[in-house]
mmCIF file of all heavy atoms, coordinates in Angstrom:
data_MODEL
# 
_entry.id   MODEL 
# 
loop_
_atom_site.group_PDB 
_atom_site.id 
_atom_site.type_symbol 
_atom_site.label_atom_id 
_atom_site.label_alt_id 
_atom_site.label_comp_id 
_atom_site.label_asym_id 
_atom_site.label_entity_id 
_atom_site.label_seq_id 
_atom_site.pdbx_PDB_ins_code 
_atom_site.Cartn_x 
_atom_site.Cartn_y 
_atom_site.Cartn_z 
_atom_site.occupancy 
_atom_site.B_iso_or_equiv 
_atom_site.pdbx_formal_charge 
_atom_site.auth_seq_id 
_atom_site.auth_comp_id 
_atom_site.auth_asym_id 
_atom_site.auth_atom_id 
_atom_site.pdbx_PDB_model_num 
ATOM 1   N N   . ALA A 1 1  ? 11.501  -17.196 6.094  1.00 0.00 ? 1  ALA A N   1 
ATOM 2   C CA  . ALA A 1 1  ? 10.356  -16.291 5.814  1.00 0.00 ? 1  ALA A CA  1 
ATOM 3   C C   . ALA A 1 1  ? 9.813   -15.750 7.193  1.00 0.00 ? 1  ALA A C   1 
ATOM 4   O O   . ALA A 1 1  ? 9.703   -16.306 8.157  1.00 0.00 ? 1  ALA A O   1 
ATOM 5   C CB  . ALA A 1 1  ? 9.130   -17.075 5.172  1.00 0.00 ? 1  ALA A CB  1 
ATOM 6   N N   . HIS A 1 2  ? 9.694   -14.337 7.217  1.00 0.00 ? 2  HIS A N   1 
ATOM 7   C CA  . HIS A 1 2  ? 9.131   -13.727 8.441  1.00 0.00 ? 2  HIS A CA  1 
ATOM 8   C C   . HIS A 1 2  ? 7.656   -13.906 8.602  1.00 0.00 ? 2  HIS A C   1 
ATOM 9   O O   . HIS A 1 2  ? 7.173   -13.811 9.691  1.00 0.00 ? 2  HIS A O   1 
ATOM 10  C CB  . HIS A 1 2  ? 9.510   -12.141 8.315  1.00 0.00 ? 2  HIS A CB  1 
ATOM 11  C CG  . HIS A 1 2  ? 10.912  -11.877 8.318  1.00 0.00 ? 2  HIS A CG  1 
ATOM 12  N ND1 . HIS A 1 2  ? 11.629  -11.923 9.327  1.00 0.00 ? 2  HIS A ND1 1 
ATOM 13  C CD2 . HIS A 1 2  ? 11.725  -11.339 7.317  1.00 0.00 ? 2  HIS A CD2 1 
ATOM 14  C CE1 . HIS A 1 2  ? 12.858  -11.635 9.143  1.00 0.00 ? 2  HIS A CE1 1 
ATOM 15  N NE2 . HIS A 1 2  ? 12.963  -11.299 7.708  1.00 0.00 ? 2  HIS A NE2 1 
ATOM 16  N N   . VAL A 1 3  ? 6.968   -14.125 7.430  1.00 0.00 ? 3  VAL A N   1 
ATOM 17  C CA  . VAL A 1 3  ? 5.553   -14.503 7.493  1.00 0.00 ? 3  VAL A CA  1 
ATOM 18  C C   . VAL A 1 3  ? 5.217   -15.610 6.558  1.00 0.00 ? 3  VAL A C   1 
ATOM 19  O O   . VAL A 1 3  ? 6.055   -15.701 5.476  1.00 0.00 ? 3  VAL A O   1 
ATOM 20  C CB  . VAL A 1 3  ? 4.599   -13.298 7.159  1.00 0.00 ? 3  VAL A CB  1 
ATOM 21  C CG1 . VAL A 1 3  ? 4.608   -12.292 8.173  1.00 0.00 ? 3  VAL A CG1 1 
ATOM 22  C CG2 . VAL A 1 3  ? 4.996   -12.677 5.807  1.00 0.00 ? 3  VAL A CG2 1 
ATOM 23  N N   . THR A 1 4  ? 4.377   -16.437 6.883  1.00 0.00 ? 4  THR A N   1 
ATOM 24  C CA  . THR A 1 4  ? 4.073   -17.660 6.020  1.00 0.00 ? 4  THR A CA  1 
ATOM 25  C C   . THR A 1 4  ? 3.233   -17.231 4.720  1.00 0.00 ? 4  THR A C   1 
ATOM 26  O O   . THR A 1 4  ? 2.635   -16.159 4.788  1.00 0.00 ? 4  THR A O   1 
ATOM 27  C CB  . THR A 1 4  ? 3.324   -18.714 6.661  1.00 0.00 ? 4  THR A CB  1 
ATOM 28  O OG1 . THR A 1 4  ? 2.105   -18.186 7.033  1.00 0.00 ? 4  THR A OG1 1 
ATOM 29  C CG2 . THR A 1 4  ? 4.035   -19.096 8.040  1.00 0.00 ? 4  THR A CG2 1 
ATOM 30  N N   . HIS A 1 5  ? 3.133   -18.109 3.768  1.00 0.00 ? 5  HIS A N   1 
ATOM 31  C CA  . HIS A 1 5  ? 2.231   -17.807 2.461  1.00 0.00 ? 5  HIS A CA  1 
ATOM 32  C C   . HIS A 1 5  ? 0.901   -17.668 3.150  1.00 0.00 ? 5  HIS A C   1 
ATOM 33  O O   . HIS A 1 5  ? 0.085   -16.706 2.693  1.00 0.00 ? 5  HIS A O   1 
ATOM 34  C CB  . HIS A 1 5  ? 2.381   -18.907 1.636  1.00 0.00 ? 5  HIS A CB  1 
ATOM 35  C CG  . HIS A 1 5  ? 3.678   -18.984 0.960  1.00 0.00 ? 5  HIS A CG  1 
ATOM 36  N ND1 . HIS A 1 5  ? 4.409   -17.963 0.324  1.00 0.00 ? 5  HIS A ND1 1 
ATOM 37  C CD2 . HIS A 1 5  ? 4.440   -20.102 0.600  1.00 0.00 ? 5  HIS A CD2 1 
ATOM 38  C CE1 . HIS A 1 5  ? 5.445   -18.392 -0.154 1.00 0.00 ? 5  HIS A CE1 1 
ATOM 39  N NE2 . HIS A 1 5  ? 5.491   -19.705 -0.109 1.00 0.00 ? 5  HIS A NE2 1 
ATOM 40  N N   . GLY A 1 6  ? 0.504   -18.459 4.092  1.00 0.00 ? 6  GLY A N   1 
ATOM 41  C CA  . GLY A 1 6  ? -0.881  -18.341 4.613  1.00 0.00 ? 6  GLY A CA  1 
ATOM 42  C C   . GLY A 1 6  ? -1.129  -17.079 5.281  1.00 0.00 ? 6  GLY A C   1 
ATOM 43  O O   . GLY A 1 6  ? -2.337  -16.463 5.081  1.00 0.00 ? 6  GLY A O   1 
ATOM 44  N N   . GLN A 1 7  ? -0.257  -16.496 6.023  1.00 0.00 ? 7  GLN A N   1 
ATOM 45  C CA  . GLN A 1 7  ? -0.459  -15.169 6.612  1.00 0.00 ? 7  GLN A CA  1 
ATOM 46  C C   . GLN A 1 7  ? -0.597  -14.035 5.628  1.00 0.00 ? 7  GLN A C   1 
ATOM 47  O O   . GLN A 1 7  ? -1.394  -13.257 5.639  1.00 0.00 ? 7  GLN A O   1 
ATOM 48  C CB  . GLN A 1 7  ? 0.704   -14.913 7.623  1.00 0.00 ? 7  GLN A CB  1 
ATOM 49  C CG  . GLN A 1 7  ? 0.756   -15.758 8.887  1.00 0.00 ? 7  GLN A CG  1 
ATOM 50  C CD  . GLN A 1 7  ? 1.963   -15.501 9.638  1.00 0.00 ? 7  GLN A CD  1 
ATOM 51  O OE1 . GLN A 1 7  ? 3.045   -15.829 9.106  1.00 0.00 ? 7  GLN A OE1 1 
ATOM 52  N NE2 . GLN A 1 7  ? 1.856   -14.982 10.953 1.00 0.00 ? 7  GLN A NE2 1 
ATOM 53  N N   . VAL A 1 8  ? 0.211   -14.227 4.563  1.00 0.00 ? 8  VAL A N   1 
ATOM 54  C CA  . VAL A 1 8  ? 0.174   -13.196 3.524  1.00 0.00 ? 8  VAL A CA  1 
ATOM 55  C C   . VAL A 1 8  ? -1.083  -13.316 2.832  1.00 0.00 ? 8  VAL A C   1 
ATOM 56  O O   . VAL A 1 8  ? -1.786  -12.292 2.552  1.00 0.00 ? 8  VAL A O   1 
ATOM 57  C CB  . VAL A 1 8  ? 1.270   -13.348 2.499  1.00 0.00 ? 8  VAL A CB  1 
ATOM 58  C CG1 . VAL A 1 8  ? 1.223   -12.613 1.286  1.00 0.00 ? 8  VAL A CG1 1 
ATOM 59  C CG2 . VAL A 1 8  ? 2.610   -13.202 3.159  1.00 0.00 ? 8  VAL A CG2 1 
ATOM 60  N N   . ILE A 1 9  ? -1.627  -14.561 2.517  1.00 0.00 ? 9  ILE A N   1 
ATOM 61  C CA  . ILE A 1 9  ? -3.066  -14.689 1.801  1.00 0.00 ? 9  ILE A CA  1 
ATOM 62  C C   . ILE A 1 9  ? -4.109  -14.090 2.700  1.00 0.00 ? 9  ILE A C   1 
ATOM 63  O O   . ILE A 1 9  ? -4.995  -13.536 2.255  1.00 0.00 ? 9  ILE A O   1 
ATOM 64  C CB  . ILE A 1 9  ? -3.172  -16.150 1.439  1.00 0.00 ? 9  ILE A CB  1 
ATOM 65  C CG1 . ILE A 1 9  ? -2.211  -16.450 0.331  1.00 0.00 ? 9  ILE A CG1 1 
ATOM 66  C CG2 . ILE A 1 9  ? -4.546  -16.347 0.873  1.00 0.00 ? 9  ILE A CG2 1 
ATOM 67  C CD1 . ILE A 1 9  ? -2.062  -15.659 -0.806 1.00 0.00 ? 9  ILE A CD1 1 
ATOM 68  N N   . GLU A 1 10 ? -3.987  -14.368 4.043  1.00 0.00 ? 10 GLU A N   1 
ATOM 69  C CA  . GLU A 1 10 ? -4.969  -13.742 4.918  1.00 0.00 ? 10 GLU A CA  1 
ATOM 70  C C   . GLU A 1 10 ? -5.070  -12.359 4.819  1.00 0.00 ? 10 GLU A C   1 
ATOM 71  O O   . GLU A 1 10 ? -6.152  -11.679 4.717  1.00 0.00 ? 10 GLU A O   1 
ATOM 72  C CB  . GLU A 1 10 ? -4.766  -14.255 6.339  1.00 0.00 ? 10 GLU A CB  1 
ATOM 73  C CG  . GLU A 1 10 ? -5.285  -15.506 6.765  1.00 0.00 ? 10 GLU A CG  1 
ATOM 74  C CD  . GLU A 1 10 ? -5.272  -15.905 8.216  1.00 0.00 ? 10 GLU A CD  1 
ATOM 75  O OE1 . GLU A 1 10 ? -4.463  -15.152 8.896  1.00 0.00 ? 10 GLU A OE1 1 
ATOM 76  O OE2 . GLU A 1 10 ? -6.071  -16.746 8.658  1.00 0.00 ? 10 GLU A OE2 1 
ATOM 77  N N   . ALA A 1 11 ? -3.908  -11.626 4.822  1.00 0.00 ? 11 ALA A N   1 
ATOM 78  C CA  . ALA A 1 11 ? -3.753  -10.152 4.846  1.00 0.00 ? 11 ALA A CA  1 
ATOM 79  C C   . ALA A 1 11 ? -4.449  -9.756  3.513  1.00 0.00 ? 11 ALA A C   1 
ATOM 80  O O   . ALA A 1 11 ? -4.985  -8.797  3.308  1.00 0.00 ? 11 ALA A O   1 
ATOM 81  C CB  . ALA A 1 11 ? -2.391  -9.766  5.063  1.00 0.00 ? 11 ALA A CB  1 
ATOM 82  N N   . LEU A 1 12 ? -4.022  -10.521 2.332  1.00 0.00 ? 12 LEU A N   1 
ATOM 83  C CA  . LEU A 1 12 ? -4.423  -10.126 1.011  1.00 0.00 ? 12 LEU A CA  1 
ATOM 84  C C   . LEU A 1 12 ? -6.083  -10.175 0.932  1.00 0.00 ? 12 LEU A C   1 
ATOM 85  O O   . LEU A 1 12 ? -6.740  -9.398  0.324  1.00 0.00 ? 12 LEU A O   1 
ATOM 86  C CB  . LEU A 1 12 ? -3.813  -10.995 0.001  1.00 0.00 ? 12 LEU A CB  1 
ATOM 87  C CG  . LEU A 1 12 ? -3.957  -10.444 -1.519 1.00 0.00 ? 12 LEU A CG  1 
ATOM 88  C CD1 . LEU A 1 12 ? -3.475  -9.062  -1.559 1.00 0.00 ? 12 LEU A CD1 1 
ATOM 89  C CD2 . LEU A 1 12 ? -3.137  -11.361 -2.399 1.00 0.00 ? 12 LEU A CD2 1 
ATOM 90  N N   . VAL A 1 13 ? -6.492  -11.262 1.578  1.00 0.00 ? 13 VAL A N   1 
ATOM 91  C CA  . VAL A 1 13 ? -8.054  -11.344 1.596  1.00 0.00 ? 13 VAL A CA  1 
ATOM 92  C C   . VAL A 1 13 ? -8.618  -10.215 2.380  1.00 0.00 ? 13 VAL A C   1 
ATOM 93  O O   . VAL A 1 13 ? -9.593  -9.591  2.000  1.00 0.00 ? 13 VAL A O   1 
ATOM 94  C CB  . VAL A 1 13 ? -8.419  -12.763 2.269  1.00 0.00 ? 13 VAL A CB  1 
ATOM 95  C CG1 . VAL A 1 13 ? -9.940  -12.762 2.599  1.00 0.00 ? 13 VAL A CG1 1 
ATOM 96  C CG2 . VAL A 1 13 ? -8.075  -13.893 1.361  1.00 0.00 ? 13 VAL A CG2 1 
ATOM 97  N N   . ALA A 1 14 ? -8.033  -9.847  3.487  1.00 0.00 ? 14 ALA A N   1 
ATOM 98  C CA  . ALA A 1 14 ? -8.444  -8.691  4.274  1.00 0.00 ? 14 ALA A CA  1 
ATOM 99  C C   . ALA A 1 14 ? -8.351  -7.417  3.439  1.00 0.00 ? 14 ALA A C   1 
ATOM 100 O O   . ALA A 1 14 ? -9.372  -6.553  3.460  1.00 0.00 ? 14 ALA A O   1 
ATOM 101 C CB  . ALA A 1 14 ? -7.646  -8.478  5.505  1.00 0.00 ? 14 ALA A CB  1 
ATOM 102 N N   . ASN A 1 15 ? -7.458  -7.253  2.647  1.00 0.00 ? 15 ASN A N   1 
ATOM 103 C CA  . ASN A 1 15 ? -7.387  -6.115  1.881  1.00 0.00 ? 15 ASN A CA  1 
ATOM 104 C C   . ASN A 1 15 ? -8.382  -6.062  0.792  1.00 0.00 ? 15 ASN A C   1 
ATOM 105 O O   . ASN A 1 15 ? -9.112  -5.067  0.557  1.00 0.00 ? 15 ASN A O   1 
ATOM 106 C CB  . ASN A 1 15 ? -5.955  -6.087  1.050  1.00 0.00 ? 15 ASN A CB  1 
ATOM 107 C CG  . ASN A 1 15 ? -5.973  -5.084  -0.017 1.00 0.00 ? 15 ASN A CG  1 
ATOM 108 O OD1 . ASN A 1 15 ? -6.171  -5.279  -1.211 1.00 0.00 ? 15 ASN A OD1 1 
ATOM 109 N ND2 . ASN A 1 15 ? -5.771  -3.738  0.429  1.00 0.00 ? 15 ASN A ND2 1 
ATOM 110 N N   . ARG A 1 16 ? -8.711  -7.218  0.182  1.00 0.00 ? 16 ARG A N   1 
ATOM 111 C CA  . ARG A 1 16 ? -9.763  -7.301  -0.866 1.00 0.00 ? 16 ARG A CA  1 
ATOM 112 C C   . ARG A 1 16 ? -11.088 -6.952  -0.349 1.00 0.00 ? 16 ARG A C   1 
ATOM 113 O O   . ARG A 1 16 ? -12.039 -6.437  -0.922 1.00 0.00 ? 16 ARG A O   1 
ATOM 114 C CB  . ARG A 1 16 ? -9.829  -8.788  -1.539 1.00 0.00 ? 16 ARG A CB  1 
ATOM 115 C CG  . ARG A 1 16 ? -8.546  -9.125  -2.185 1.00 0.00 ? 16 ARG A CG  1 
ATOM 116 C CD  . ARG A 1 16 ? -8.308  -8.296  -3.528 1.00 0.00 ? 16 ARG A CD  1 
ATOM 117 N NE  . ARG A 1 16 ? -7.003  -7.519  -3.300 1.00 0.00 ? 16 ARG A NE  1 
ATOM 118 C CZ  . ARG A 1 16 ? -6.530  -6.724  -4.175 1.00 0.00 ? 16 ARG A CZ  1 
ATOM 119 N NH1 . ARG A 1 16 ? -7.125  -6.543  -5.292 1.00 0.00 ? 16 ARG A NH1 1 
ATOM 120 N NH2 . ARG A 1 16 ? -5.462  -6.041  -3.820 1.00 0.00 ? 16 ARG A NH2 1 
ATOM 121 N N   . LEU A 1 17 ? -11.324 -7.311  1.020  1.00 0.00 ? 17 LEU A N   1 
ATOM 122 C CA  . LEU A 1 17 ? -12.545 -7.250  1.678  1.00 0.00 ? 17 LEU A CA  1 
ATOM 123 C C   . LEU A 1 17 ? -12.876 -5.831  2.290  1.00 0.00 ? 17 LEU A C   1 
ATOM 124 O O   . LEU A 1 17 ? -14.042 -5.489  2.490  1.00 0.00 ? 17 LEU A O   1 
ATOM 125 C CB  . LEU A 1 17 ? -12.820 -8.377  2.527  1.00 0.00 ? 17 LEU A CB  1 
ATOM 126 C CG  . LEU A 1 17 ? -13.057 -9.696  1.893  1.00 0.00 ? 17 LEU A CG  1 
ATOM 127 C CD1 . LEU A 1 17 ? -13.059 -10.706 3.109  1.00 0.00 ? 17 LEU A CD1 1 
ATOM 128 C CD2 . LEU A 1 17 ? -14.273 -9.915  1.026  1.00 0.00 ? 17 LEU A CD2 1 
ATOM 129 N N   . THR A 1 18 ? -11.779 -5.045  2.531  1.00 0.00 ? 18 THR A N   1 
ATOM 130 C CA  . THR A 1 18 ? -11.883 -3.869  3.294  1.00 0.00 ? 18 THR A CA  1 
ATOM 131 C C   . THR A 1 18 ? -11.745 -2.695  2.465  1.00 0.00 ? 18 THR A C   1 
ATOM 132 O O   . THR A 1 18 ? -12.396 -1.704  2.485  1.00 0.00 ? 18 THR A O   1 
ATOM 133 C CB  . THR A 1 18 ? -10.941 -3.749  4.457  1.00 0.00 ? 18 THR A CB  1 
ATOM 134 O OG1 . THR A 1 18 ? -9.612  -3.936  3.982  1.00 0.00 ? 18 THR A OG1 1 
ATOM 135 C CG2 . THR A 1 18 ? -11.393 -4.876  5.542  1.00 0.00 ? 18 THR A CG2 1 
ATOM 136 N N   . SER A 1 19 ? -10.556 -2.673  1.705  1.00 0.00 ? 19 SER A N   1 
ATOM 137 C CA  . SER A 1 19 ? -10.247 -1.532  0.894  1.00 0.00 ? 19 SER A CA  1 
ATOM 138 C C   . SER A 1 19 ? -9.212  -2.024  -0.339 1.00 0.00 ? 19 SER A C   1 
ATOM 139 O O   . SER A 1 19 ? -8.059  -1.737  -0.177 1.00 0.00 ? 19 SER A O   1 
ATOM 140 C CB  . SER A 1 19 ? -9.577  -0.490  1.711  1.00 0.00 ? 19 SER A CB  1 
ATOM 141 O OG  . SER A 1 19 ? -9.278  0.684   0.890  1.00 0.00 ? 19 SER A OG  1 
ATOM 142 N N   . PRO A 1 20 ? -9.830  -2.585  -1.366 1.00 0.00 ? 20 PRO A N   1 
ATOM 143 C CA  . PRO A 1 20 ? -8.973  -3.255  -2.407 1.00 0.00 ? 20 PRO A CA  1 
ATOM 144 C C   . PRO A 1 20 ? -7.941  -2.158  -2.988 1.00 0.00 ? 20 PRO A C   1 
ATOM 145 O O   . PRO A 1 20 ? -8.399  -1.159  -3.156 1.00 0.00 ? 20 PRO A O   1 
ATOM 146 C CB  . PRO A 1 20 ? -10.014 -3.679  -3.397 1.00 0.00 ? 20 PRO A CB  1 
ATOM 147 C CG  . PRO A 1 20 ? -11.283 -3.790  -2.664 1.00 0.00 ? 20 PRO A CG  1 
ATOM 148 C CD  . PRO A 1 20 ? -11.214 -2.815  -1.635 1.00 0.00 ? 20 PRO A CD  1 
ATOM 149 N N   . ALA A 1 21 ? -6.757  -2.750  -2.977 1.00 0.00 ? 21 ALA A N   1 
ATOM 150 C CA  . ALA A 1 21 ? -5.600  -1.927  -3.570 1.00 0.00 ? 21 ALA A CA  1 
ATOM 151 C C   . ALA A 1 21 ? -4.722  -2.750  -4.372 1.00 0.00 ? 21 ALA A C   1 
ATOM 152 O O   . ALA A 1 21 ? -4.725  -4.022  -4.380 1.00 0.00 ? 21 ALA A O   1 
ATOM 153 C CB  . ALA A 1 21 ? -4.779  -1.403  -2.479 1.00 0.00 ? 21 ALA A CB  1 
ATOM 154 N N   . PRO A 1 22 ? -4.236  -2.122  -5.527 1.00 0.00 ? 22 PRO A N   1 
ATOM 155 C CA  . PRO A 1 22 ? -3.220  -2.908  -6.342 1.00 0.00 ? 22 PRO A CA  1 
ATOM 156 C C   . PRO A 1 22 ? -2.081  -3.553  -5.456 1.00 0.00 ? 22 PRO A C   1 
ATOM 157 O O   . PRO A 1 22 ? -1.803  -2.830  -4.382 1.00 0.00 ? 22 PRO A O   1 
ATOM 158 C CB  . PRO A 1 22 ? -2.704  -1.840  -7.345 1.00 0.00 ? 22 PRO A CB  1 
ATOM 159 C CG  . PRO A 1 22 ? -3.569  -0.621  -7.252 1.00 0.00 ? 22 PRO A CG  1 
ATOM 160 C CD  . PRO A 1 22 ? -4.262  -0.653  -5.927 1.00 0.00 ? 22 PRO A CD  1 
ATOM 161 N N   . LEU A 1 23 ? -1.559  -4.573  -5.896 1.00 0.00 ? 23 LEU A N   1 
ATOM 162 C CA  . LEU A 1 23 ? -0.527  -5.252  -5.100 1.00 0.00 ? 23 LEU A CA  1 
ATOM 163 C C   . LEU A 1 23 ? 0.675   -4.329  -4.758 1.00 0.00 ? 23 LEU A C   1 
ATOM 164 O O   . LEU A 1 23 ? 1.082   -4.265  -3.563 1.00 0.00 ? 23 LEU A O   1 
ATOM 165 C CB  . LEU A 1 23 ? 0.150   -6.318  -5.926 1.00 0.00 ? 23 LEU A CB  1 
ATOM 166 C CG  . LEU A 1 23 ? -0.860  -7.490  -6.234 1.00 0.00 ? 23 LEU A CG  1 
ATOM 167 C CD1 . LEU A 1 23 ? 0.026   -8.716  -6.961 1.00 0.00 ? 23 LEU A CD1 1 
ATOM 168 C CD2 . LEU A 1 23 ? -1.316  -8.037  -4.948 1.00 0.00 ? 23 LEU A CD2 1 
ATOM 169 N N   . VAL A 1 24 ? 0.984   -3.280  -5.482 1.00 0.00 ? 24 VAL A N   1 
ATOM 170 C CA  . VAL A 1 24 ? 1.990   -2.322  -5.108 1.00 0.00 ? 24 VAL A CA  1 
ATOM 171 C C   . VAL A 1 24 ? 1.584   -1.319  -4.088 1.00 0.00 ? 24 VAL A C   1 
ATOM 172 O O   . VAL A 1 24 ? 2.320   -0.704  -3.422 1.00 0.00 ? 24 VAL A O   1 
ATOM 173 C CB  . VAL A 1 24 ? 2.532   -1.470  -6.265 1.00 0.00 ? 24 VAL A CB  1 
ATOM 174 C CG1 . VAL A 1 24 ? 3.179   -2.414  -7.331 1.00 0.00 ? 24 VAL A CG1 1 
ATOM 175 C CG2 . VAL A 1 24 ? 1.551   -0.704  -7.076 1.00 0.00 ? 24 VAL A CG2 1 
ATOM 176 N N   . ARG A 1 25 ? 0.282   -1.371  -3.709 1.00 0.00 ? 25 ARG A N   1 
ATOM 177 C CA  . ARG A 1 25 ? -0.308  -0.430  -2.695 1.00 0.00 ? 25 ARG A CA  1 
ATOM 178 C C   . ARG A 1 25 ? -0.700  -1.173  -1.437 1.00 0.00 ? 25 ARG A C   1 
ATOM 179 O O   . ARG A 1 25 ? -1.190  -0.533  -0.463 1.00 0.00 ? 25 ARG A O   1 
ATOM 180 C CB  . ARG A 1 25 ? -1.529  0.360   -3.261 1.00 0.00 ? 25 ARG A CB  1 
ATOM 181 C CG  . ARG A 1 25 ? -1.020  1.252   -4.476 1.00 0.00 ? 25 ARG A CG  1 
ATOM 182 C CD  . ARG A 1 25 ? -0.407  2.500   -3.883 1.00 0.00 ? 25 ARG A CD  1 
ATOM 183 N NE  . ARG A 1 25 ? -0.031  3.418   -5.034 1.00 0.00 ? 25 ARG A NE  1 
ATOM 184 C CZ  . ARG A 1 25 ? 1.050   3.764   -5.413 1.00 0.00 ? 25 ARG A CZ  1 
ATOM 185 N NH1 . ARG A 1 25 ? 2.129   3.048   -4.895 1.00 0.00 ? 25 ARG A NH1 1 
ATOM 186 N NH2 . ARG A 1 25 ? 1.350   4.471   -6.489 1.00 0.00 ? 25 ARG A NH2 1 
ATOM 187 N N   . VAL A 1 26 ? -0.624  -2.481  -1.444 1.00 0.00 ? 26 VAL A N   1 
ATOM 188 C CA  . VAL A 1 26 ? -1.046  -3.258  -0.241 1.00 0.00 ? 26 VAL A CA  1 
ATOM 189 C C   . VAL A 1 26 ? -0.311  -2.866  0.960  1.00 0.00 ? 26 VAL A C   1 
ATOM 190 O O   . VAL A 1 26 ? -0.813  -2.698  2.092  1.00 0.00 ? 26 VAL A O   1 
ATOM 191 C CB  . VAL A 1 26 ? -1.143  -4.748  -0.491 1.00 0.00 ? 26 VAL A CB  1 
ATOM 192 C CG1 . VAL A 1 26 ? -1.262  -5.523  0.820  1.00 0.00 ? 26 VAL A CG1 1 
ATOM 193 C CG2 . VAL A 1 26 ? -2.071  -5.061  -1.479 1.00 0.00 ? 26 VAL A CG2 1 
ATOM 194 N N   . GLU A 1 27 ? 1.031   -2.655  0.837  1.00 0.00 ? 27 GLU A N   1 
ATOM 195 C CA  . GLU A 1 27 ? 1.843   -2.261  1.960  1.00 0.00 ? 27 GLU A CA  1 
ATOM 196 C C   . GLU A 1 27 ? 1.402   -0.899  2.615  1.00 0.00 ? 27 GLU A C   1 
ATOM 197 O O   . GLU A 1 27 ? 1.246   -0.743  3.836  1.00 0.00 ? 27 GLU A O   1 
ATOM 198 C CB  . GLU A 1 27 ? 3.329   -2.117  1.557  1.00 0.00 ? 27 GLU A CB  1 
ATOM 199 C CG  . GLU A 1 27 ? 4.293   -1.888  2.630  1.00 0.00 ? 27 GLU A CG  1 
ATOM 200 C CD  . GLU A 1 27 ? 5.839   -1.806  2.168  1.00 0.00 ? 27 GLU A CD  1 
ATOM 201 O OE1 . GLU A 1 27 ? 6.086   -2.283  1.058  1.00 0.00 ? 27 GLU A OE1 1 
ATOM 202 O OE2 . GLU A 1 27 ? 6.561   -1.256  2.931  1.00 0.00 ? 27 GLU A OE2 1 
ATOM 203 N N   . ASP A 1 28 ? 1.052   -0.012  1.790  1.00 0.00 ? 28 ASP A N   1 
ATOM 204 C CA  . ASP A 1 28 ? 0.507   1.335   2.187  1.00 0.00 ? 28 ASP A CA  1 
ATOM 205 C C   . ASP A 1 28 ? -0.807  1.114   2.949  1.00 0.00 ? 28 ASP A C   1 
ATOM 206 O O   . ASP A 1 28 ? -1.085  1.784   3.930  1.00 0.00 ? 28 ASP A O   1 
ATOM 207 C CB  . ASP A 1 28 ? 0.354   2.234   1.033  1.00 0.00 ? 28 ASP A CB  1 
ATOM 208 C CG  . ASP A 1 28 ? 1.586   2.564   0.334  1.00 0.00 ? 28 ASP A CG  1 
ATOM 209 O OD1 . ASP A 1 28 ? 2.587   2.526   0.959  1.00 0.00 ? 28 ASP A OD1 1 
ATOM 210 O OD2 . ASP A 1 28 ? 1.513   3.022   -0.937 1.00 0.00 ? 28 ASP A OD2 1 
ATOM 211 N N   . TRP A 1 29 ? -1.669  0.254   2.343  1.00 0.00 ? 29 TRP A N   1 
ATOM 212 C CA  . TRP A 1 29 ? -2.944  0.005   3.027  1.00 0.00 ? 29 TRP A CA  1 
ATOM 213 C C   . TRP A 1 29 ? -2.753  -0.561  4.365  1.00 0.00 ? 29 TRP A C   1 
ATOM 214 O O   . TRP A 1 29 ? -3.354  -0.206  5.486  1.00 0.00 ? 29 TRP A O   1 
ATOM 215 C CB  . TRP A 1 29 ? -3.776  -1.062  2.098  1.00 0.00 ? 29 TRP A CB  1 
ATOM 216 C CG  . TRP A 1 29 ? -4.863  -1.708  2.915  1.00 0.00 ? 29 TRP A CG  1 
ATOM 217 C CD1 . TRP A 1 29 ? -6.027  -1.325  3.144  1.00 0.00 ? 29 TRP A CD1 1 
ATOM 218 C CD2 . TRP A 1 29 ? -4.754  -3.060  3.431  1.00 0.00 ? 29 TRP A CD2 1 
ATOM 219 N NE1 . TRP A 1 29 ? -6.889  -2.218  3.834  1.00 0.00 ? 29 TRP A NE1 1 
ATOM 220 C CE2 . TRP A 1 29 ? -6.096  -3.322  3.992  1.00 0.00 ? 29 TRP A CE2 1 
ATOM 221 C CE3 . TRP A 1 29 ? -3.767  -4.041  3.534  1.00 0.00 ? 29 TRP A CE3 1 
ATOM 222 C CZ2 . TRP A 1 29 ? -6.388  -4.448  4.690  1.00 0.00 ? 29 TRP A CZ2 1 
ATOM 223 C CZ3 . TRP A 1 29 ? -4.079  -5.242  4.161  1.00 0.00 ? 29 TRP A CZ3 1 
ATOM 224 C CH2 . TRP A 1 29 ? -5.369  -5.335  4.831  1.00 0.00 ? 29 TRP A CH2 1 
# 
């Protein structure tokens, strides 16, 4: 894995708290 599950979850939390996007749009975010 290039990133751990923990790193991914941190990024997902950041997405939810800054500019929530559907999962298919998190990469764009």
